[in-house]
Amino acid sequence: MTNQTILEPLPEDQWFIESQELRSFVATVREISASTVDDRTQTLARLKSYFQELLAQQQWLSEKFAQVNPESRMGGGIGQWLLYRAKDRSLSVFSLVIPPGSTTPVHDHLAWGLIGLYKGNQEETVYRRVDNGDAEGHAQLQVTEVQSLQPGDIYCLLPPDGDIHAVKTTSQSTSVSIHLLGNDTGCILRHQFIPESHSVKSFRSGYSNAPCKEEQEKEHAQVR
């Protein structure tokens, strides 16, 4: 089942954090992704070492973007802080902040990407769909992997492989992961799965610091 949203372009690239480290990394991402557009496996392989360098630098991410968010649409106080997105919505970088003991919903991303743990410890449960997706609102999932993550650990997203997961903070302190995705993840409509009831629904996770124009327009239309 696909539900990729087509979003209107932005007037310009958006930066929400002033960081030369992040700017240099994004420039590298754009260069490599443009030259490997027909082979995203190669894109991810070539980007890993650069991403590892970014994660190893512990000064560039300000405390503002490592905070929980009690009003999060992800629930559990999870903060999703947009750091950068391309004007054509083809690339975004954000931090995901999960309080101790909290777990994300089971969700997908609908894009290639890299996720790396910046602070704290996490447990990731990876799923795959074992149904054909024909029945609306129904999804049968199977757990394919459970892995413990330490700071500096990186994993790849390349739909459909590894694109459905849930992440839990296992450390006594908040965990922070950095996400590099080939879409505007917080503003597209993607999928939230409820394995216990074999169900799935569309959702827009949003960002803690950048309202989605699409959601604002929907709310405005409902008010009228």
Foldseek 3Di string as FASTA:
>chain_A
DDAWDQDAFAPFKDFPFDAPLVVVLVVVLVVLCVVQVVPVVVSCVVSLVSVLVSLVDQPRDDVVQQAFQCPFPQDQSKAWAWGIAGRNQQKTKTKIKHFAFDKGFWWFQPFKWKKFWNDAKKKKWFWAWPDPPPDAFFTAIDTDDIDIHDHSDMDIDDPPPRGTMMMHGHGNGMIMMMMMTRGNRQQIWTWGADNVVRGIDTDRRHHPPDGHPVVVVVVVVVVD
